[in-house]
Each structure stands twice: as structure tokens, then as C-alpha cells.
Amino acid sequence: ALKFREQEASFLGGVIAALSSKTKAIGFVGGMDVPLIHKFEAGYKAGAAWADLKVKVLSAYAGVTPEAFKDPSKGKELALSQIGRGADIIYHASGSTGLGVFEAARDKKILAIGVDSDQYQDAPGFVLTSVTKQVDEAVFRAIKAAKDGKPLKGILELGLKEKGVDYVYDADNQALVPAAARAKAEEARHLIIAGK
């Protein structure tokens, strides 16, 4: 089984959101209210608190069934509610429900944070960064282990140290990410990798 420490990259997303927010309020929209998505939320909240204790994190979930991952109208409704309470950056971990978060970000001229893959193209100019799973790295490790005659057994879990999770910082979004937020996120990366 290939698993990821989503909370580690979400921590970096929280650092970037906290240090990019002008209102000192940021949001989190989860899909289904389950332990896996709680990892994303916990990492994001911890990263925001580590970067700036004054930043408030608003959280909401779209539901308690798998349908919660495919309800863009609910995503937009939850995002608009958080924007109404001052959030100017919202991170989603909610599948296609997040498309509603992006729509709200465009409508209200705030920023969103994508999940799992680079989602910049879903709302160009409104996606601050995306917290990613480096599935290519996980698949490469599995194939290489098999090729080397040592096929993987049990669970392979990848975090920042193994380059299994990350956040996007490239030509598309670097103008949106303040230099101080980028520097603090990289400091956090090194501390997490070092086990601190």
C-alpha cells in the first residue's frame, strides 16, 4: 500500500496561507468528515499557528457520505460563508467539491489552495498554491524496488523527507506567494524532515 503524510505538506500550506493572509483569517473546506481529511485540516491549522498565532482558521466539511467529495455547490456555499467571516485564503481537501471553493474565490477575489495535484489551471490567478501528493515518486519507488528484486511489502508511507508530498511554487504562482511566506515554509520543511 502506498500512503502519504498529507499533514506534513498541509502544514506548509498553512504556513503560506497564514503569512499571505491580509485579514488574519483563513479557511479550510473538507469533503467527507473522516479521519483522512482531518489529517489535512490538522496539518494546515498547525502550520498556520506555527507561522502566526494571531491567524484564525475557519473549518467546515461538506458532509458525512462520499457524496461530500462531489458537490461543488456545497463547496461554494461553505467558502462564501468563510469569506463572509473574513477568510481571504481557503484550502480545500474535498475532491470536485473544491471547484465550488475556486468559484467563490474568483467571485469574491480571494485566494484558494488546491489539493493533491497542481490545481492552478482550475482558477488561474486565484490559486495561491496547491498541496500535492507526489504520486510519481511513490510509483517510481515501487517499480524500482521490484526491478531491483526487492518488491515492497506492507505499507510504504511517504512524507516530505521521502519527497512524497509537497506544495507548488513555480512560474504560475510565485508572484502570489510572498517571499517571507516561502522562506518560512522552507524553514518548516527542513524542521519537519529533521524530525523537529
N, C-alpha and C. Protein backbone atom coordinates (compact mmCIF):
# COMPACT_ATOMS: atom_id res chain seq x y z
N ALA A 1 0.84 -1.19 0.00
CA ALA A 1 0.00 0.00 0.00
C ALA A 1 0.88 1.24 0.00
N LEU A 2 0.48 2.21 -0.77
CA LEU A 2 1.20 3.49 -0.81
C LEU A 2 0.37 4.51 -0.03
N LYS A 3 0.98 5.09 1.00
CA LYS A 3 0.28 6.09 1.80
C LYS A 3 1.12 7.36 1.86
N PHE A 4 0.46 8.44 2.22
CA PHE A 4 1.14 9.74 2.24
C PHE A 4 0.88 10.45 3.56
N ARG A 5 1.89 11.21 4.02
CA ARG A 5 1.72 12.02 5.23
C ARG A 5 1.24 13.40 4.78
N GLU A 6 -0.04 13.45 4.40
CA GLU A 6 -0.63 14.68 3.88
C GLU A 6 -0.51 15.83 4.86
N GLN A 7 -0.50 15.50 6.16
CA GLN A 7 -0.44 16.55 7.18
C GLN A 7 0.87 17.36 7.08
N GLU A 8 1.94 16.74 6.60
CA GLU A 8 3.22 17.46 6.52
C GLU A 8 3.17 18.56 5.46
N ALA A 9 2.68 18.23 4.27
CA ALA A 9 2.58 19.25 3.22
C ALA A 9 1.48 20.26 3.57
N SER A 10 0.42 19.79 4.23
CA SER A 10 -0.65 20.70 4.65
C SER A 10 -0.12 21.72 5.66
N PHE A 11 0.83 21.30 6.50
CA PHE A 11 1.49 22.21 7.44
C PHE A 11 2.13 23.36 6.66
N LEU A 12 2.85 23.02 5.59
CA LEU A 12 3.49 24.06 4.77
C LEU A 12 2.44 24.96 4.11
N GLY A 13 1.33 24.35 3.69
CA GLY A 13 0.23 25.15 3.13
C GLY A 13 -0.33 26.12 4.15
N GLY A 14 -0.41 25.67 5.40
CA GLY A 14 -0.89 26.54 6.48
C GLY A 14 0.04 27.70 6.75
N VAL A 15 1.34 27.42 6.69
CA VAL A 15 2.35 28.48 6.86
C VAL A 15 2.18 29.53 5.77
N ILE A 16 2.08 29.07 4.52
CA ILE A 16 1.95 30.00 3.40
C ILE A 16 0.65 30.80 3.50
N ALA A 17 -0.45 30.12 3.86
CA ALA A 17 -1.73 30.83 3.98
C ALA A 17 -1.68 31.88 5.07
N ALA A 18 -1.16 31.51 6.24
CA ALA A 18 -1.11 32.44 7.37
C ALA A 18 -0.29 33.68 7.05
N LEU A 19 0.83 33.48 6.36
CA LEU A 19 1.72 34.61 6.08
C LEU A 19 1.36 35.34 4.78
N SER A 20 0.34 34.85 4.08
CA SER A 20 -0.15 35.54 2.87
C SER A 20 -1.46 36.26 3.14
N SER A 21 -2.13 35.91 4.24
CA SER A 21 -3.44 36.49 4.56
C SER A 21 -3.32 37.95 4.99
N LYS A 22 -4.21 38.76 4.47
CA LYS A 22 -4.25 40.17 4.88
C LYS A 22 -5.26 40.38 6.00
N THR A 23 -6.22 39.44 6.13
CA THR A 23 -7.29 39.59 7.11
C THR A 23 -7.02 38.83 8.42
N LYS A 24 -5.97 38.01 8.42
CA LYS A 24 -5.64 37.15 9.58
C LYS A 24 -6.74 36.12 9.84
N ALA A 25 -7.49 35.78 8.77
CA ALA A 25 -8.49 34.71 8.84
C ALA A 25 -8.36 33.89 7.57
N ILE A 26 -8.22 32.57 7.75
CA ILE A 26 -8.10 31.67 6.60
C ILE A 26 -9.08 30.52 6.80
N GLY A 27 -9.41 29.85 5.71
CA GLY A 27 -10.41 28.80 5.79
C GLY A 27 -9.91 27.44 5.36
N PHE A 28 -10.67 26.41 5.77
CA PHE A 28 -10.43 25.04 5.34
C PHE A 28 -11.79 24.43 5.01
N VAL A 29 -11.91 23.87 3.81
CA VAL A 29 -13.12 23.16 3.42
C VAL A 29 -12.75 21.71 3.14
N GLY A 30 -13.28 20.81 3.97
CA GLY A 30 -13.05 19.39 3.77
C GLY A 30 -14.22 18.77 3.05
N GLY A 31 -13.98 17.65 2.41
CA GLY A 31 -15.06 16.91 1.76
C GLY A 31 -15.82 16.13 2.82
N MET A 32 -15.59 14.82 2.85
CA MET A 32 -16.26 13.96 3.82
C MET A 32 -15.56 14.08 5.18
N ASP A 33 -16.35 14.17 6.22
CA ASP A 33 -15.82 14.32 7.59
C ASP A 33 -15.31 12.97 8.07
N VAL A 34 -14.06 12.67 7.71
CA VAL A 34 -13.42 11.39 8.04
C VAL A 34 -11.98 11.62 8.48
N PRO A 35 -11.39 10.65 9.20
CA PRO A 35 -10.01 10.83 9.71
C PRO A 35 -8.98 11.22 8.65
N LEU A 36 -9.07 10.69 7.43
CA LEU A 36 -8.10 11.04 6.40
C LEU A 36 -8.10 12.55 6.14
N ILE A 37 -9.27 13.15 6.03
CA ILE A 37 -9.36 14.58 5.73
C ILE A 37 -9.00 15.40 6.97
N HIS A 38 -9.22 14.82 8.16
CA HIS A 38 -8.80 15.50 9.39
C HIS A 38 -7.29 15.71 9.39
N LYS A 39 -6.52 14.80 8.75
CA LYS A 39 -5.06 14.96 8.66
C LYS A 39 -4.70 16.24 7.91
N PHE A 40 -5.41 16.50 6.81
CA PHE A 40 -5.17 17.71 6.03
C PHE A 40 -5.46 18.95 6.90
N GLU A 41 -6.62 18.92 7.56
CA GLU A 41 -7.04 20.05 8.39
C GLU A 41 -6.07 20.28 9.54
N ALA A 42 -5.67 19.20 10.23
CA ALA A 42 -4.77 19.33 11.39
C ALA A 42 -3.42 19.90 10.98
N GLY A 43 -2.87 19.43 9.88
CA GLY A 43 -1.59 19.95 9.41
C GLY A 43 -1.69 21.42 9.05
N TYR A 44 -2.75 21.78 8.34
CA TYR A 44 -2.98 23.17 7.91
C TYR A 44 -3.10 24.09 9.13
N LYS A 45 -3.92 23.69 10.10
CA LYS A 45 -4.10 24.51 11.31
C LYS A 45 -2.78 24.64 12.09
N ALA A 46 -2.05 23.55 12.21
CA ALA A 46 -0.79 23.57 12.95
C ALA A 46 0.23 24.48 12.26
N GLY A 47 0.29 24.40 10.94
CA GLY A 47 1.22 25.26 10.19
C GLY A 47 0.87 26.73 10.32
N ALA A 48 -0.42 27.04 10.26
CA ALA A 48 -0.86 28.42 10.42
C ALA A 48 -0.50 28.95 11.81
N ALA A 49 -0.76 28.14 12.84
CA ALA A 49 -0.47 28.54 14.22
C ALA A 49 1.04 28.72 14.43
N TRP A 50 1.82 27.83 13.83
CA TRP A 50 3.28 27.91 13.96
C TRP A 50 3.80 29.20 13.33
N ALA A 51 3.19 29.60 12.21
CA ALA A 51 3.64 30.80 11.50
C ALA A 51 3.16 32.09 12.15
N ASP A 52 1.90 32.08 12.65
CA ASP A 52 1.32 33.29 13.22
C ASP A 52 0.13 32.92 14.10
N LEU A 53 0.33 33.00 15.40
CA LEU A 53 -0.72 32.62 16.35
C LEU A 53 -1.97 33.50 16.26
N LYS A 54 -1.84 34.67 15.62
CA LYS A 54 -2.99 35.57 15.54
C LYS A 54 -3.96 35.19 14.42
N VAL A 55 -3.53 34.29 13.54
CA VAL A 55 -4.37 33.90 12.41
C VAL A 55 -5.44 32.91 12.87
N LYS A 56 -6.68 33.21 12.49
CA LYS A 56 -7.82 32.36 12.84
C LYS A 56 -8.10 31.42 11.66
N VAL A 57 -8.33 30.13 11.96
CA VAL A 57 -8.66 29.16 10.91
C VAL A 57 -10.12 28.73 11.05
N LEU A 58 -10.90 28.95 10.01
CA LEU A 58 -12.30 28.54 9.98
C LEU A 58 -12.38 27.22 9.22
N SER A 59 -13.10 26.23 9.78
CA SER A 59 -13.18 24.92 9.14
C SER A 59 -14.62 24.50 8.92
N ALA A 60 -14.85 23.78 7.83
CA ALA A 60 -16.18 23.23 7.54
C ALA A 60 -16.02 22.00 6.66
N TYR A 61 -16.97 21.08 6.80
CA TYR A 61 -16.99 19.87 5.98
C TYR A 61 -18.27 19.83 5.16
N ALA A 62 -18.17 19.26 3.96
CA ALA A 62 -19.31 19.22 3.05
C ALA A 62 -20.32 18.13 3.42
N GLY A 63 -19.93 17.14 4.21
CA GLY A 63 -20.88 16.09 4.57
C GLY A 63 -20.23 14.88 5.20
N VAL A 64 -21.03 13.84 5.38
CA VAL A 64 -20.55 12.62 6.06
C VAL A 64 -20.67 11.38 5.17
N THR A 65 -20.98 11.59 3.90
CA THR A 65 -21.05 10.48 2.95
C THR A 65 -20.07 10.77 1.80
N PRO A 66 -19.75 9.77 0.99
CA PRO A 66 -18.83 10.02 -0.14
C PRO A 66 -19.30 11.11 -1.10
N GLU A 67 -20.60 11.41 -1.13
CA GLU A 67 -21.12 12.48 -1.98
C GLU A 67 -20.46 13.82 -1.63
N ALA A 68 -19.94 13.94 -0.42
CA ALA A 68 -19.32 15.19 0.03
C ALA A 68 -18.09 15.56 -0.79
N PHE A 69 -17.55 14.60 -1.56
CA PHE A 69 -16.40 14.88 -2.42
C PHE A 69 -16.80 15.32 -3.82
N LYS A 70 -18.09 15.39 -4.10
CA LYS A 70 -18.51 15.78 -5.45
C LYS A 70 -19.73 16.69 -5.42
N ASP A 71 -19.61 17.77 -4.66
CA ASP A 71 -20.71 18.72 -4.50
C ASP A 71 -20.19 20.16 -4.58
N PRO A 72 -19.85 20.62 -5.81
CA PRO A 72 -19.30 21.98 -5.95
C PRO A 72 -20.20 23.07 -5.37
N SER A 73 -21.52 22.90 -5.46
CA SER A 73 -22.40 23.95 -4.92
C SER A 73 -22.25 24.05 -3.40
N LYS A 74 -22.08 22.92 -2.73
CA LYS A 74 -21.84 22.93 -1.27
C LYS A 74 -20.48 23.55 -0.97
N GLY A 75 -19.48 23.24 -1.80
CA GLY A 75 -18.15 23.83 -1.63
C GLY A 75 -18.20 25.34 -1.72
N LYS A 76 -18.96 25.84 -2.70
CA LYS A 76 -19.07 27.29 -2.87
C LYS A 76 -19.80 27.91 -1.67
N GLU A 77 -20.86 27.26 -1.24
CA GLU A 77 -21.63 27.75 -0.09
C GLU A 77 -20.75 27.84 1.17
N LEU A 78 -19.97 26.79 1.43
CA LEU A 78 -19.10 26.79 2.61
C LEU A 78 -18.01 27.87 2.49
N ALA A 79 -17.45 28.00 1.29
CA ALA A 79 -16.41 29.01 1.08
C ALA A 79 -16.97 30.42 1.25
N LEU A 80 -18.15 30.68 0.68
CA LEU A 80 -18.75 32.01 0.81
C LEU A 80 -19.04 32.34 2.28
N SER A 81 -19.44 31.34 3.05
CA SER A 81 -19.68 31.54 4.47
C SER A 81 -18.38 31.95 5.18
N GLN A 82 -17.28 31.27 4.85
CA GLN A 82 -15.99 31.60 5.47
C GLN A 82 -15.50 32.97 5.01
N ILE A 83 -15.70 33.30 3.75
CA ILE A 83 -15.32 34.62 3.23
C ILE A 83 -16.12 35.69 3.96
N GLY A 84 -17.40 35.41 4.20
CA GLY A 84 -18.25 36.35 4.93
C GLY A 84 -17.79 36.58 6.36
N ARG A 85 -17.03 35.62 6.89
CA ARG A 85 -16.48 35.74 8.24
C ARG A 85 -15.02 36.21 8.22
N GLY A 86 -14.57 36.70 7.07
CA GLY A 86 -13.25 37.33 6.99
C GLY A 86 -12.15 36.55 6.31
N ALA A 87 -12.38 35.27 5.96
CA ALA A 87 -11.31 34.48 5.34
C ALA A 87 -10.95 35.04 3.97
N ASP A 88 -9.65 35.20 3.74
CA ASP A 88 -9.21 35.66 2.42
C ASP A 88 -8.37 34.62 1.69
N ILE A 89 -8.17 33.44 2.31
CA ILE A 89 -7.50 32.31 1.68
C ILE A 89 -8.21 31.05 2.19
N ILE A 90 -8.59 30.16 1.28
CA ILE A 90 -9.27 28.93 1.68
C ILE A 90 -8.61 27.71 1.03
N TYR A 91 -8.22 26.77 1.87
CA TYR A 91 -7.63 25.50 1.43
C TYR A 91 -8.73 24.45 1.39
N HIS A 92 -8.82 23.74 0.29
CA HIS A 92 -9.82 22.66 0.23
C HIS A 92 -9.15 21.30 0.11
N ALA A 93 -9.73 20.31 0.75
CA ALA A 93 -9.36 18.91 0.60
C ALA A 93 -10.70 18.19 0.41
N SER A 94 -11.26 18.37 -0.79
CA SER A 94 -12.66 17.97 -0.96
C SER A 94 -13.02 17.48 -2.35
N GLY A 95 -12.03 17.00 -3.11
CA GLY A 95 -12.35 16.50 -4.44
C GLY A 95 -12.97 17.57 -5.31
N SER A 96 -13.98 17.20 -6.10
CA SER A 96 -14.59 18.18 -7.02
C SER A 96 -15.46 19.20 -6.28
N THR A 97 -15.74 18.96 -4.99
CA THR A 97 -16.42 19.97 -4.17
C THR A 97 -15.57 21.25 -4.16
N GLY A 98 -14.26 21.07 -4.26
CA GLY A 98 -13.34 22.21 -4.27
C GLY A 98 -13.51 23.14 -5.46
N LEU A 99 -14.12 22.64 -6.54
CA LEU A 99 -14.36 23.52 -7.69
C LEU A 99 -15.28 24.67 -7.28
N GLY A 100 -16.17 24.40 -6.33
CA GLY A 100 -17.03 25.46 -5.80
C GLY A 100 -16.25 26.46 -4.96
N VAL A 101 -15.21 25.96 -4.27
CA VAL A 101 -14.33 26.85 -3.50
C VAL A 101 -13.61 27.79 -4.46
N PHE A 102 -13.12 27.25 -5.58
CA PHE A 102 -12.44 28.07 -6.58
C PHE A 102 -13.39 29.12 -7.18
N GLU A 103 -14.63 28.70 -7.41
CA GLU A 103 -15.63 29.63 -7.97
C GLU A 103 -15.87 30.79 -7.00
N ALA A 104 -15.98 30.46 -5.71
CA ALA A 104 -16.16 31.51 -4.69
C ALA A 104 -14.95 32.42 -4.63
N ALA A 105 -13.75 31.84 -4.75
CA ALA A 105 -12.51 32.64 -4.73
C ALA A 105 -12.50 33.63 -5.89
N ARG A 106 -12.89 33.16 -7.07
CA ARG A 106 -12.95 34.06 -8.25
C ARG A 106 -13.98 35.16 -8.04
N ASP A 107 -15.17 34.75 -7.58
CA ASP A 107 -16.27 35.72 -7.40
C ASP A 107 -15.92 36.80 -6.39
N LYS A 108 -15.27 36.41 -5.30
CA LYS A 108 -15.00 37.35 -4.20
C LYS A 108 -13.57 37.88 -4.19
N LYS A 109 -12.79 37.50 -5.22
CA LYS A 109 -11.41 38.00 -5.37
C LYS A 109 -10.53 37.67 -4.16
N ILE A 110 -10.62 36.41 -3.70
CA ILE A 110 -9.71 35.94 -2.66
C ILE A 110 -8.88 34.81 -3.26
N LEU A 111 -8.04 34.18 -2.46
CA LEU A 111 -7.19 33.10 -2.96
C LEU A 111 -7.62 31.75 -2.38
N ALA A 112 -7.37 30.71 -3.16
CA ALA A 112 -7.66 29.35 -2.72
C ALA A 112 -6.37 28.54 -2.76
N ILE A 113 -6.38 27.41 -2.07
CA ILE A 113 -5.26 26.47 -2.09
C ILE A 113 -5.81 25.14 -2.58
N GLY A 114 -5.19 24.63 -3.65
CA GLY A 114 -5.61 23.36 -4.22
C GLY A 114 -5.05 22.17 -3.45
N VAL A 115 -5.43 20.97 -3.90
CA VAL A 115 -5.03 19.76 -3.17
C VAL A 115 -4.69 18.62 -4.13
N ASP A 116 -3.79 17.76 -3.69
CA ASP A 116 -3.38 16.52 -4.37
C ASP A 116 -2.53 16.74 -5.62
N SER A 117 -2.98 17.60 -6.54
CA SER A 117 -2.19 17.92 -7.72
C SER A 117 -2.22 19.43 -7.90
N ASP A 118 -1.42 19.94 -8.83
CA ASP A 118 -1.38 21.39 -9.07
C ASP A 118 -2.71 21.81 -9.69
N GLN A 119 -3.49 22.59 -8.95
CA GLN A 119 -4.82 22.99 -9.42
C GLN A 119 -4.86 24.44 -9.93
N TYR A 120 -3.70 25.02 -10.20
CA TYR A 120 -3.65 26.41 -10.64
C TYR A 120 -4.56 26.65 -11.85
N GLN A 121 -4.57 25.72 -12.80
CA GLN A 121 -5.33 25.93 -14.04
C GLN A 121 -6.84 25.90 -13.81
N ASP A 122 -7.29 25.42 -12.65
CA ASP A 122 -8.73 25.44 -12.35
C ASP A 122 -9.24 26.84 -12.05
N ALA A 123 -8.32 27.72 -11.62
CA ALA A 123 -8.70 29.11 -11.34
C ALA A 123 -7.44 29.98 -11.42
N PRO A 124 -6.90 30.14 -12.63
CA PRO A 124 -5.64 30.89 -12.78
C PRO A 124 -5.72 32.27 -12.13
N GLY A 125 -4.69 32.59 -11.36
CA GLY A 125 -4.63 33.88 -10.68
C GLY A 125 -5.27 33.87 -9.31
N PHE A 126 -6.01 32.80 -8.99
CA PHE A 126 -6.71 32.73 -7.70
C PHE A 126 -6.26 31.53 -6.86
N VAL A 127 -5.30 30.76 -7.36
CA VAL A 127 -4.79 29.61 -6.60
C VAL A 127 -3.40 29.97 -6.07
N LEU A 128 -3.34 30.21 -4.77
CA LEU A 128 -2.10 30.62 -4.12
C LEU A 128 -1.03 29.54 -4.27
N THR A 129 -1.40 28.30 -3.99
CA THR A 129 -0.53 27.14 -4.16
C THR A 129 -1.43 25.92 -4.13
N SER A 130 -0.85 24.76 -4.32
CA SER A 130 -1.57 23.50 -4.14
C SER A 130 -0.71 22.59 -3.28
N VAL A 131 -1.35 21.89 -2.36
CA VAL A 131 -0.66 20.91 -1.52
C VAL A 131 -0.76 19.58 -2.28
N THR A 132 0.40 19.04 -2.66
CA THR A 132 0.39 17.92 -3.60
C THR A 132 0.87 16.60 -3.02
N LYS A 133 0.36 15.52 -3.63
CA LYS A 133 0.88 14.17 -3.41
C LYS A 133 1.75 13.88 -4.62
N GLN A 134 2.98 13.48 -4.37
CA GLN A 134 3.90 13.19 -5.47
C GLN A 134 3.75 11.70 -5.83
N VAL A 135 2.65 11.39 -6.48
CA VAL A 135 2.33 10.00 -6.82
C VAL A 135 3.41 9.42 -7.74
N ASP A 136 4.00 10.27 -8.58
CA ASP A 136 5.08 9.80 -9.45
C ASP A 136 6.23 9.23 -8.64
N GLU A 137 6.59 9.91 -7.56
CA GLU A 137 7.68 9.44 -6.69
C GLU A 137 7.33 8.09 -6.05
N ALA A 138 6.08 7.96 -5.59
CA ALA A 138 5.65 6.71 -4.95
C ALA A 138 5.67 5.56 -5.95
N VAL A 139 5.17 5.79 -7.16
CA VAL A 139 5.13 4.75 -8.19
C VAL A 139 6.55 4.39 -8.61
N PHE A 140 7.41 5.40 -8.78
CA PHE A 140 8.80 5.15 -9.16
C PHE A 140 9.49 4.26 -8.12
N ARG A 141 9.29 4.57 -6.83
CA ARG A 141 9.91 3.77 -5.77
C ARG A 141 9.43 2.32 -5.80
N ALA A 142 8.13 2.13 -6.04
CA ALA A 142 7.57 0.78 -6.09
C ALA A 142 8.14 -0.01 -7.26
N ILE A 143 8.23 0.64 -8.43
CA ILE A 143 8.75 -0.05 -9.62
C ILE A 143 10.24 -0.34 -9.45
N LYS A 144 10.99 0.63 -8.93
CA LYS A 144 12.43 0.44 -8.75
C LYS A 144 12.71 -0.71 -7.78
N ALA A 145 11.94 -0.78 -6.70
CA ALA A 145 12.12 -1.86 -5.72
C ALA A 145 11.89 -3.22 -6.38
N ALA A 146 10.85 -3.30 -7.20
CA ALA A 146 10.56 -4.57 -7.90
C ALA A 146 11.67 -4.89 -8.89
N LYS A 147 12.12 -3.88 -9.65
CA LYS A 147 13.19 -4.07 -10.64
C LYS A 147 14.48 -4.54 -9.96
N ASP A 148 14.73 -4.01 -8.75
CA ASP A 148 15.94 -4.38 -8.01
C ASP A 148 15.80 -5.71 -7.28
N GLY A 149 14.68 -6.40 -7.50
CA GLY A 149 14.48 -7.71 -6.88
C GLY A 149 14.07 -7.64 -5.42
N LYS A 150 13.64 -6.45 -4.96
CA LYS A 150 13.22 -6.28 -3.57
C LYS A 150 11.83 -5.65 -3.55
N PRO A 151 10.82 -6.36 -4.08
CA PRO A 151 9.48 -5.75 -4.13
C PRO A 151 9.01 -5.32 -2.75
N LEU A 152 8.33 -4.19 -2.74
CA LEU A 152 7.84 -3.64 -1.48
C LEU A 152 6.79 -4.54 -0.86
N LYS A 153 6.83 -4.63 0.47
CA LYS A 153 5.81 -5.39 1.20
C LYS A 153 5.17 -4.45 2.21
N GLY A 154 3.91 -4.71 2.55
CA GLY A 154 3.26 -3.91 3.57
C GLY A 154 2.92 -2.52 3.09
N ILE A 155 3.33 -1.52 3.86
CA ILE A 155 2.94 -0.14 3.57
C ILE A 155 4.17 0.73 3.35
N LEU A 156 4.17 1.47 2.27
CA LEU A 156 5.19 2.48 2.03
C LEU A 156 4.52 3.82 2.27
N GLU A 157 5.01 4.55 3.28
CA GLU A 157 4.43 5.85 3.61
C GLU A 157 5.43 6.94 3.28
N LEU A 158 4.98 7.92 2.51
CA LEU A 158 5.87 8.97 2.06
C LEU A 158 5.43 10.34 2.57
N GLY A 159 6.40 11.08 3.10
CA GLY A 159 6.17 12.44 3.56
C GLY A 159 7.15 13.38 2.87
N LEU A 160 7.44 14.49 3.53
CA LEU A 160 8.37 15.47 2.95
C LEU A 160 9.76 14.88 2.77
N LYS A 161 10.21 14.11 3.77
CA LYS A 161 11.56 13.53 3.73
C LYS A 161 11.75 12.64 2.50
N GLU A 162 10.70 11.90 2.16
CA GLU A 162 10.78 10.97 1.02
C GLU A 162 10.35 11.62 -0.29
N LYS A 163 10.08 12.93 -0.25
CA LYS A 163 9.60 13.68 -1.43
C LYS A 163 8.27 13.13 -1.94
N GLY A 164 7.43 12.65 -1.01
CA GLY A 164 6.13 12.09 -1.38
C GLY A 164 5.00 13.10 -1.32
N VAL A 165 5.24 14.22 -0.63
CA VAL A 165 4.26 15.31 -0.57
C VAL A 165 5.02 16.62 -0.72
N ASP A 166 4.31 17.67 -1.12
CA ASP A 166 4.98 18.97 -1.32
C ASP A 166 3.91 20.05 -1.51
N TYR A 167 4.35 21.23 -1.91
CA TYR A 167 3.42 22.28 -2.32
C TYR A 167 3.99 22.88 -3.60
N VAL A 168 3.13 23.53 -4.36
CA VAL A 168 3.55 24.08 -5.65
C VAL A 168 4.09 25.49 -5.48
N TYR A 169 5.27 25.69 -6.05
CA TYR A 169 5.86 27.03 -6.14
C TYR A 169 6.57 27.07 -7.49
N ASP A 170 5.96 27.72 -8.47
CA ASP A 170 6.52 27.74 -9.81
C ASP A 170 6.18 29.06 -10.51
N ALA A 171 6.43 29.11 -11.80
CA ALA A 171 6.22 30.36 -12.55
C ALA A 171 4.78 30.84 -12.49
N ASP A 172 3.82 29.92 -12.37
CA ASP A 172 2.41 30.32 -12.33
C ASP A 172 2.05 31.08 -11.07
N ASN A 173 2.53 30.60 -9.91
CA ASN A 173 2.03 31.16 -8.65
C ASN A 173 3.06 31.94 -7.83
N GLN A 174 4.31 31.99 -8.25
CA GLN A 174 5.30 32.60 -7.37
C GLN A 174 5.05 34.08 -7.10
N ALA A 175 4.37 34.77 -8.02
CA ALA A 175 4.05 36.18 -7.78
C ALA A 175 3.00 36.34 -6.69
N LEU A 176 2.23 35.27 -6.42
CA LEU A 176 1.19 35.33 -5.40
C LEU A 176 1.72 35.02 -4.00
N VAL A 177 2.84 34.29 -3.92
CA VAL A 177 3.38 33.84 -2.64
C VAL A 177 4.42 34.84 -2.14
N PRO A 178 4.14 35.53 -1.03
CA PRO A 178 5.12 36.49 -0.50
C PRO A 178 6.45 35.80 -0.17
N ALA A 179 7.54 36.52 -0.36
CA ALA A 179 8.87 35.94 -0.10
C ALA A 179 8.99 35.43 1.33
N ALA A 180 8.41 36.16 2.29
CA ALA A 180 8.51 35.74 3.70
C ALA A 180 7.76 34.44 3.94
N ALA A 181 6.63 34.25 3.23
CA ALA A 181 5.85 33.01 3.37
C ALA A 181 6.62 31.84 2.79
N ARG A 182 7.22 32.04 1.64
CA ARG A 182 8.04 31.00 1.01
C ARG A 182 9.20 30.61 1.91
N ALA A 183 9.90 31.61 2.46
CA ALA A 183 11.06 31.34 3.31
C ALA A 183 10.66 30.56 4.57
N LYS A 184 9.54 30.96 5.18
CA LYS A 184 9.07 30.30 6.41
C LYS A 184 8.62 28.87 6.12
N ALA A 185 7.98 28.66 4.97
CA ALA A 185 7.56 27.30 4.58
C ALA A 185 8.77 26.40 4.38
N GLU A 186 9.82 26.95 3.79
CA GLU A 186 11.04 26.15 3.58
C GLU A 186 11.74 25.86 4.91
N GLU A 187 11.69 26.82 5.84
CA GLU A 187 12.22 26.57 7.18
C GLU A 187 11.45 25.42 7.83
N ALA A 188 10.13 25.46 7.71
CA ALA A 188 9.29 24.40 8.27
C ALA A 188 9.61 23.06 7.63
N ARG A 189 9.81 23.05 6.32
CA ARG A 189 10.15 21.80 5.62
C ARG A 189 11.38 21.15 6.26
N HIS A 190 12.43 21.96 6.45
CA HIS A 190 13.69 21.43 7.00
C HIS A 190 13.48 20.91 8.43
N LEU A 191 12.69 21.60 9.22
CA LEU A 191 12.44 21.16 10.60
C LEU A 191 11.62 19.86 10.64
N ILE A 192 10.65 19.75 9.75
CA ILE A 192 9.83 18.53 9.70
C ILE A 192 10.70 17.35 9.26
N ILE A 193 11.50 17.56 8.22
CA ILE A 193 12.38 16.48 7.72
C ILE A 193 13.36 16.05 8.81
N ALA A 194 13.82 17.03 9.60
CA ALA A 194 14.76 16.73 10.69
C ALA A 194 14.07 16.10 11.91
N GLY A 195 12.75 15.97 11.86
CA GLY A 195 12.02 15.36 12.96
C GLY A 195 11.77 16.29 14.14
N LYS A 196 11.92 17.60 13.90
CA LYS A 196 11.76 18.57 14.99
C LYS A 196 10.39 19.19 15.03
